[in-house]
Structures are given as structure tokens and as C-alpha cells.
Protein backbone atom coordinates (compact mmCIF):
# COMPACT_ATOMS: atom_id res chain seq x y z
CA MET A 1 70.68 14.62 25.73
CA THR A 2 72.03 17.73 24.00
CA ALA A 3 69.58 20.32 22.71
CA ASN A 4 70.24 21.95 19.34
CA PRO A 5 70.30 25.73 19.79
CA THR A 6 69.23 26.55 16.21
CA VAL A 7 66.00 28.55 16.30
CA THR A 8 63.87 28.95 13.17
CA ARG A 9 60.19 29.27 12.45
CA ARG A 10 59.98 25.53 11.89
CA ASN A 11 61.74 24.93 15.20
CA PHE A 12 59.11 27.03 16.89
CA LEU A 13 56.38 25.02 15.18
CA LEU A 14 57.84 21.76 16.40
CA GLY A 15 58.16 23.06 19.94
CA ALA A 16 54.69 24.62 19.78
CA ALA A 17 53.11 21.41 18.62
CA LEU A 18 54.54 19.62 21.61
CA CYS A 19 53.43 22.35 24.00
CA ALA A 20 49.86 22.57 22.65
CA THR A 21 47.07 22.52 25.21
CA MET A 22 45.75 18.97 25.59
CA LEU A 23 42.53 17.74 27.15
CA SER A 24 42.41 15.61 30.30
CA GLY A 25 43.01 11.91 30.00
CA CYS A 26 42.13 8.33 30.74
CA ASN A 27 43.92 5.10 31.76
CA GLN A 28 47.20 3.19 31.88
CA GLY A 29 47.16 1.96 28.28
CA ASP A 30 48.15 5.32 26.81
CA GLY A 31 46.64 7.19 29.78
CA GLY A 32 46.82 10.65 31.28
CA GLN A 33 45.06 13.24 33.45
CA ALA A 34 47.35 16.24 33.37
CA ALA A 35 48.00 18.64 30.50
CA ALA A 36 51.39 18.92 28.80
CA GLU A 37 54.27 19.55 31.16
CA ASP A 38 55.03 23.20 31.93
CA GLN A 39 58.48 23.05 30.41
CA PRO A 40 58.51 23.01 26.58
CA ALA A 41 60.41 20.36 24.69
CA ALA A 42 63.67 21.33 23.06
CA ALA A 43 63.00 22.06 19.39
CA PRO A 44 64.77 19.79 16.92
CA ALA A 45 66.82 21.13 14.07
CA ALA A 46 64.83 22.18 11.05
CA GLY A 47 65.55 21.18 7.52
CA GLY A 48 64.75 18.23 5.29
CA ASN A 49 61.84 15.87 5.82
CA VAL A 50 60.10 15.29 9.15
CA LEU A 51 58.61 11.99 10.29
CA VAL A 52 56.29 11.39 13.23
CA ALA A 53 56.63 7.74 14.25
CA TYR A 54 54.52 6.36 17.07
CA TYR A 55 53.17 3.34 18.88
CA SER A 56 49.68 3.77 20.32
CA ALA A 57 47.96 1.17 22.46
CA GLN A 58 44.49 2.71 22.68
CA GLY A 59 44.58 5.61 20.25
CA HIS A 60 45.72 8.40 22.58
CA THR A 61 49.31 8.64 21.39
CA ALA A 62 48.00 8.34 17.84
CA ALA A 63 45.89 11.46 18.39
CA VAL A 64 48.92 13.46 19.58
CA ALA A 65 50.98 12.18 16.65
CA GLN A 66 48.26 13.08 14.16
CA THR A 67 47.96 16.61 15.57
CA ILE A 68 51.69 17.19 15.35
CA ALA A 69 51.93 15.74 11.85
CA ASP A 70 49.01 17.85 10.62
CA GLU A 71 50.54 21.07 11.91
CA LEU A 72 54.02 20.31 10.57
CA GLY A 73 52.99 18.72 7.30
CA ALA A 74 55.07 15.74 8.45
CA ASP A 75 54.74 12.11 7.42
CA LEU A 76 53.28 9.55 9.83
CA PHE A 77 54.49 6.04 10.60
CA LYS A 78 52.52 3.74 12.87
CA VAL A 79 54.55 1.14 14.77
CA THR A 80 52.32 -1.93 14.67
CA PRO A 81 52.84 -5.21 16.56
CA THR A 82 52.29 -8.33 14.48
CA GLU A 83 50.06 -9.52 17.31
CA PRO A 84 48.03 -6.44 18.32
CA TYR A 85 47.15 -5.82 21.95
CA SER A 86 43.49 -6.36 22.84
CA ASP A 87 41.72 -4.47 25.61
CA ASP A 88 42.14 -7.54 27.81
CA ASP A 89 45.85 -7.64 26.96
CA LEU A 90 46.16 -4.03 28.14
CA ASP A 91 44.42 -4.56 31.48
CA TRP A 92 47.33 -3.76 33.78
CA THR A 93 45.18 -4.51 36.86
CA ASP A 94 44.92 -8.16 35.80
CA ASP A 95 47.92 -10.20 36.94
CA SER A 96 47.45 -12.59 34.04
CA SER A 97 47.11 -10.00 31.27
CA ARG A 98 49.65 -9.77 28.47
CA VAL A 99 51.13 -6.43 29.55
CA THR A 100 51.40 -7.53 33.17
CA ARG A 101 53.19 -10.74 32.21
CA GLU A 102 55.51 -8.81 29.90
CA HIS A 103 56.20 -6.29 32.62
CA GLU A 104 57.16 -9.03 35.04
CA ASP A 105 59.22 -11.01 32.50
CA GLU A 106 61.44 -8.87 30.24
CA SER A 107 62.07 -11.84 27.95
CA LEU A 108 58.46 -11.52 26.77
CA ARG A 109 58.94 -7.92 25.61
CA ASP A 110 60.49 -8.76 22.25
CA VAL A 111 57.43 -7.61 20.28
CA GLU A 112 57.54 -8.48 16.59
CA LEU A 113 56.44 -5.64 14.30
CA THR A 114 54.69 -5.72 10.94
CA GLN A 115 57.26 -3.19 9.63
CA VAL A 116 60.39 -1.99 11.40
CA THR A 117 61.82 0.54 8.94
CA PRO A 118 59.55 3.21 7.43
CA ASP A 119 59.66 3.63 3.67
CA GLY A 120 62.16 6.34 2.73
CA TRP A 121 63.77 6.23 6.18
CA GLU A 122 67.08 7.52 4.84
CA ASN A 123 65.41 10.73 3.66
CA TYR A 124 64.22 11.90 7.09
CA ASP A 125 66.36 14.39 8.99
CA THR A 126 64.04 14.89 11.98
CA VAL A 127 62.03 12.12 13.64
CA LEU A 128 59.52 12.58 16.45
CA VAL A 129 58.96 9.33 18.35
CA GLY A 130 55.73 8.87 20.32
CA TYR A 131 54.67 6.18 22.78
CA PRO A 132 52.61 5.57 25.93
CA ILE A 133 54.36 5.23 29.28
CA TRP A 134 54.06 1.73 30.78
CA TRP A 135 55.37 1.27 34.30
CA GLY A 136 57.58 4.35 34.03
CA ILE A 137 59.25 3.49 30.71
CA ALA A 138 58.38 3.67 27.03
CA ALA A 139 55.85 1.02 26.01
CA TRP A 140 58.03 -1.83 24.80
CA PRO A 141 56.39 -2.33 21.38
CA ILE A 142 58.43 0.75 20.38
CA ASP A 143 61.71 -0.97 21.31
CA ASN A 144 62.26 -2.96 18.13
CA PHE A 145 61.52 0.12 16.03
CA ILE A 146 64.26 1.96 17.90
CA SER A 147 66.85 -0.83 17.89
CA GLY A 148 66.05 -1.90 14.32
CA ASN A 149 66.86 1.41 12.62
CA ASP A 150 69.95 3.51 11.94
CA TRP A 151 69.57 6.89 13.67
CA ASP A 152 72.87 8.34 12.53
CA GLY A 153 72.47 11.90 11.28
CA LYS A 154 68.90 12.26 12.55
CA THR A 155 67.55 14.69 15.12
CA VAL A 156 65.11 12.85 17.39
CA LEU A 157 62.46 14.22 19.73
CA PRO A 158 60.55 11.75 21.96
CA PHE A 159 57.03 12.45 23.23
CA CYS A 160 54.78 10.33 25.39
CA THR A 161 51.32 10.00 26.90
CA SER A 162 50.63 8.70 30.40
CA SER A 163 48.07 8.73 33.19
CA SER A 164 50.35 10.26 35.80
CA SER A 165 53.97 9.37 35.09
CA SER A 166 56.39 11.92 33.68
CA LEU A 167 58.55 11.32 30.62
CA GLY A 168 61.19 10.26 33.14
CA ARG A 169 64.21 8.58 31.60
CA SER A 170 62.20 6.98 28.79
CA GLY A 171 63.76 9.17 26.11
CA GLU A 172 67.24 8.66 27.48
CA LEU A 173 66.78 4.88 27.53
CA LEU A 174 65.54 4.91 23.94
CA ALA A 175 68.53 7.02 22.92
CA GLU A 176 70.83 4.46 24.51
CA ALA A 177 69.07 1.67 22.62
CA ALA A 178 69.32 3.61 19.35
CA GLY A 179 73.05 4.13 19.80
CA SER A 180 73.16 7.17 17.50
CA GLY A 181 71.21 10.23 16.50
CA GLU A 182 70.92 13.64 18.16
CA TRP A 183 68.26 13.01 20.80
CA GLN A 184 66.52 16.05 22.27
CA GLU A 185 64.64 16.56 25.51
CA GLY A 186 61.13 15.17 25.18
CA GLN A 187 57.62 16.07 26.24
CA ARG A 188 54.78 14.37 28.13
CA PHE A 189 51.12 14.84 27.15
CA SER A 190 47.86 13.79 28.67
CA SER A 191 46.44 10.86 26.78
CA ASN A 192 43.02 12.01 25.63
CA VAL A 193 43.82 14.51 22.93
CA GLY A 194 41.21 16.52 21.08
CA GLU A 195 42.26 17.36 17.55
CA SER A 196 40.98 20.93 17.96
CA GLY A 197 42.80 21.32 21.28
CA GLY A 198 46.22 20.89 19.75
CA ARG A 199 45.43 23.13 16.82
CA GLU A 200 44.02 25.87 19.02
CA GLY A 201 47.17 25.83 21.13
CA ILE A 202 49.37 26.34 18.06
CA ALA A 203 47.02 28.86 16.46
CA GLY A 204 47.12 30.89 19.66
CA LEU A 205 50.86 31.36 19.16
CA GLY A 206 50.32 32.73 15.66
CA LEU A 207 52.78 30.25 14.14
CA ALA A 208 50.53 27.80 12.30
């Protein structure tokens, strides 16, 4: 991944949003205990419209996405499986659960989505992509969103939530699947995000 060196006030806002102080977390579904990683994410290029697109299994990634979108005035797009995951589906300790079976058999990971391409996709210059970490990689419901869209000309910043895993190579693997776009270094967050926590972190920098 190649970081864009352009630094503007909006760049700082994007980086600040991803470095905001987050509360401690919960379980594997979107899970996380630790706060955001010490190293800040590379700020994407400013300019044009910004979209925050995310898949959230249990609401934790959604909370991060909402905080970022609120602070940036960005649009939100929720990646939604046609067949939503129930709590039982997400029980990774159960060998017969949906996520466990999908983890063990990659052919089951082709998750159909209610909408693949956000309205006005061609108008977005910067896209932040959020997802939980499942077994060390991006939760696979995000995969068809990535592979089903044209990322050419877009600056992309991945962010994730997890119980203990780092971002790892999840962003790199998504960039490979996308095949185009200027993908930046990403950021990991704890999963249980308080709305005020993110805003306080940005407000403390005097940028919001």
C-alpha cells in the first residue's frame, strides 16, 4: 500500500477520526478489548465526496463508521447480506454455526448482498471501508462489495474492529481483490465504540 503524502485539514480530520479514543470491547463477532492501535492510519487524499462503507455483524463496526461519518460529514453505506447473520450464526465457538462452517469451507463465503454498488458510487473520491475481523481476515460479507465495484480513481482507507487481532493483511487482501484504487494503510479499533468517545478524541485535537 502506498500512502498519499498530501496533508490538509481534511486529511487530518480523516486521520484523527481513525485515531479517536475508543472504549473497550466485546466478542468475536465485531469484537475488541484494546483501544485503537498506537500508530495512526495514513490519511487519504482530500477532495470530492467521502463515503464510509461498512459491514457490521453486531453493531460495533457500525458505531465506528457512524462516528467517522458524523465528524467528516461523509455519506454512509451499509453492506447488508440478503440473509442476515443471527446471533446463533455468529457463535464462533459452535462448530455447527454459520460462521464456523463458512470459515472451514471457503465455498460457503459467497455472501449475497441486498445492494452491491452504493447510489452515486462514481461521485466518491475517498472511500473508508469498515469490517470486523474474522479469523484474522476481513469478515467475508464485505468481499462481494469489494469485488463488485470499480475502485479506479478512488482513495481507499480500510478500518476494522476485532477482539484481539490486528488489522493484519486484511486491507492488503481487500486491495488485491479490488484490483484498483489507491489503498492506504488501515486502522484497527476496539469493537465497543461510544459515540462520545470518538467525538471527544477528535475534539481534543481541535480539528472538529
